[in-house]
Amino acid sequence: MPSKIRFILERGGELVADLLPEAAPKTIERVLEVLPHETTVYHTRWCGREINFPIKSIKPVLRENQTATASTGDVVYWKEWETEENPPEALAIYYGAEVIRDHRGFLPVNLFARISQDQWPQIEEIGIRVWQKGIEKIHIEVVED
């Protein structure tokens, strides 16, 4: 199984995340099934310092290693857990410590990867850029070992 994934942003910047198989092996398996993937990256409205991008899993992703708090560099999988048919899904990267929530309160997500501390300044630069300048394309791929 690969150990890393890469995020390449349209306006510049590349982030590499270490997968956490000990924490969320099934989530990783489901994410890897849809890579490579190109989509649009957005800035969150509710969770503060977060950029996110929609995905569509091939097989259902179950709750695994869930948390409602995130640290800088955390990469999480989210879906509308309470929706039964065709729920919205997304991956998110945090560029600051945040409580994960929406208008209903705490929002559990699957933590499955982490971007190393040496990349944190670039995560923040990208996050602020998406917040201030708007959406852009993102390409997500497996890093070959």
Protein backbone atom coordinates (compact mmCIF):
# COMPACT_ATOMS: atom_id res chain seq x y z
CA MET A 1 0.00 0.00 0.00
CA PRO A 2 1.32 3.50 -0.78
CA SER A 3 2.38 5.58 2.21
CA LYS A 4 1.84 9.12 0.86
CA ILE A 5 -0.51 11.22 -1.24
CA ARG A 6 0.23 14.53 -2.99
CA PHE A 7 -1.95 17.61 -3.44
CA ILE A 8 -1.02 19.92 -6.34
CA LEU A 9 -2.72 23.33 -6.46
CA GLU A 10 -3.52 25.17 -9.68
CA ARG A 11 -2.12 28.53 -8.52
CA GLY A 12 1.01 26.94 -7.11
CA GLY A 13 2.00 24.78 -4.21
CA GLU A 14 2.39 21.09 -3.59
CA LEU A 15 1.72 19.29 -0.31
CA VAL A 16 2.61 15.71 0.56
CA ALA A 17 0.72 13.88 3.31
CA ASP A 18 1.77 10.73 5.14
CA LEU A 19 -1.05 8.21 5.27
CA LEU A 20 -1.89 6.84 8.75
CA PRO A 21 -2.77 3.17 8.17
CA GLU A 22 -2.67 2.39 11.89
CA ALA A 23 -5.40 5.00 12.42
CA ALA A 24 -7.75 4.61 9.45
CA PRO A 25 -6.88 1.74 7.08
CA LYS A 26 -10.34 1.42 5.51
CA THR A 27 -10.66 5.16 4.89
CA ILE A 28 -7.25 5.15 3.19
CA GLU A 29 -8.29 2.20 1.04
CA ARG A 30 -11.44 4.03 -0.10
CA VAL A 31 -9.56 7.29 -0.81
CA LEU A 32 -6.84 5.51 -2.81
CA GLU A 33 -9.52 3.87 -4.99
CA VAL A 34 -10.51 7.27 -6.43
CA LEU A 35 -6.99 8.60 -7.06
CA PRO A 36 -5.76 10.28 -9.13
CA HIS A 37 -8.53 12.86 -8.80
CA GLU A 38 -8.93 16.46 -9.94
CA THR A 39 -11.54 18.71 -8.40
CA THR A 40 -12.11 22.20 -7.01
CA VAL A 41 -10.75 23.33 -3.66
CA TYR A 42 -12.89 25.57 -1.45
CA HIS A 43 -12.36 27.37 1.84
CA THR A 44 -14.67 26.29 4.63
CA ARG A 45 -17.29 28.52 6.12
CA TRP A 46 -17.81 26.87 9.51
CA CYS A 47 -14.56 25.22 10.56
CA GLY A 48 -12.11 28.10 10.30
CA ARG A 49 -8.69 27.35 8.82
CA GLU A 50 -9.68 24.54 6.48
CA ILE A 51 -9.62 23.96 2.75
CA ASN A 52 -11.76 21.14 1.37
CA PHE A 53 -12.54 19.46 -1.92
CA PRO A 54 -15.33 17.09 -2.96
CA ILE A 55 -14.70 13.47 -3.81
CA LYS A 56 -16.98 10.54 -4.57
CA SER A 57 -16.00 7.17 -3.13
CA ILE A 58 -16.61 4.00 -5.10
CA LYS A 59 -17.59 1.99 -2.00
CA PRO A 60 -19.07 3.37 1.23
CA VAL A 61 -16.66 4.87 3.76
CA LEU A 62 -17.51 4.03 7.35
CA ARG A 63 -16.75 5.97 10.51
CA GLU A 64 -13.15 5.32 11.54
CA ASN A 65 -10.72 7.13 13.86
CA GLN A 66 -13.20 9.97 14.18
CA THR A 67 -12.46 13.30 15.76
CA ALA A 68 -14.12 16.69 16.03
CA THR A 69 -10.81 18.54 16.54
CA ALA A 70 -8.06 19.06 14.00
CA SER A 71 -4.48 20.26 14.16
CA THR A 72 -2.40 21.97 11.52
CA GLY A 73 -1.54 19.46 8.80
CA ASP A 74 -4.39 17.04 9.51
CA VAL A 75 -6.06 15.54 6.44
CA VAL A 76 -9.56 14.21 7.02
CA TYR A 77 -12.41 12.52 5.18
CA TRP A 78 -15.91 13.89 5.74
CA LYS A 79 -19.32 12.87 4.57
CA GLU A 80 -22.85 13.70 5.51
CA TRP A 81 -23.05 10.67 7.82
CA GLU A 82 -26.78 10.95 8.52
CA THR A 83 -27.81 10.99 4.85
CA GLU A 84 -28.69 7.52 3.61
CA GLU A 85 -28.65 7.93 -0.19
CA ASN A 86 -25.69 9.35 -2.10
CA PRO A 87 -24.24 11.54 0.70
CA PRO A 88 -21.92 14.47 -0.08
CA GLU A 89 -18.26 13.63 0.64
CA ALA A 90 -15.06 15.66 0.89
CA LEU A 91 -11.43 15.64 1.93
CA ALA A 92 -10.09 18.54 3.97
CA ILE A 93 -6.71 19.92 5.00
CA TYR A 94 -6.35 22.07 8.12
CA TYR A 95 -3.91 24.96 8.32
CA GLY A 96 -4.65 25.72 11.96
CA ALA A 97 -6.03 23.99 15.02
CA GLU A 98 -9.83 23.95 14.80
CA VAL A 99 -12.95 22.46 16.31
CA ILE A 100 -14.71 20.73 13.42
CA ARG A 101 -18.33 21.81 13.24
CA ASP A 102 -21.17 22.96 11.09
CA HIS A 103 -24.43 24.75 11.85
CA ARG A 104 -25.64 21.69 13.82
CA GLY A 105 -22.63 21.50 16.16
CA PHE A 106 -19.63 19.16 16.31
CA LEU A 107 -18.91 17.37 13.05
CA PRO A 108 -17.08 14.01 13.28
CA VAL A 109 -14.55 13.27 10.53
CA ASN A 110 -12.11 10.43 9.78
CA LEU A 111 -8.49 11.49 10.34
CA PHE A 112 -6.44 9.47 7.85
CA ALA A 113 -3.30 11.45 6.89
CA ARG A 114 -1.01 14.19 8.13
CA ILE A 115 1.18 16.78 6.41
CA SER A 116 4.55 17.23 8.11
CA GLN A 117 5.41 20.33 10.10
CA ASP A 118 8.03 21.53 7.60
CA GLN A 119 5.14 22.11 5.13
CA TRP A 120 2.94 24.10 7.54
CA PRO A 121 3.95 27.54 6.24
CA GLN A 122 2.94 26.44 2.73
CA ILE A 123 -0.38 25.01 3.99
CA GLU A 124 -1.15 28.36 5.58
CA GLU A 125 -0.15 30.27 2.43
CA ILE A 126 -2.43 28.06 0.32
CA GLY A 127 -5.30 28.28 2.81
CA ILE A 128 -5.17 32.07 3.00
CA ARG A 129 -4.93 32.30 -0.79
CA VAL A 130 -8.05 30.14 -1.29
CA TRP A 131 -9.87 32.15 1.40
CA GLN A 132 -8.95 35.52 -0.14
CA LYS A 133 -8.83 34.75 -3.87
CA GLY A 134 -11.45 32.00 -4.16
CA ILE A 135 -11.65 28.53 -5.57
CA GLU A 136 -9.00 26.83 -7.68
CA LYS A 137 -8.32 23.39 -9.08
CA ILE A 138 -6.53 20.73 -7.06
CA HIS A 139 -5.02 17.46 -8.26
CA ILE A 140 -4.67 14.60 -5.75
CA GLU A 141 -2.43 11.62 -6.52
CA VAL A 142 -0.59 8.74 -4.95
CA VAL A 143 3.13 9.23 -4.32
CA GLU A 144 4.91 6.14 -5.56
CA ASP A 145 7.29 4.69 -2.96
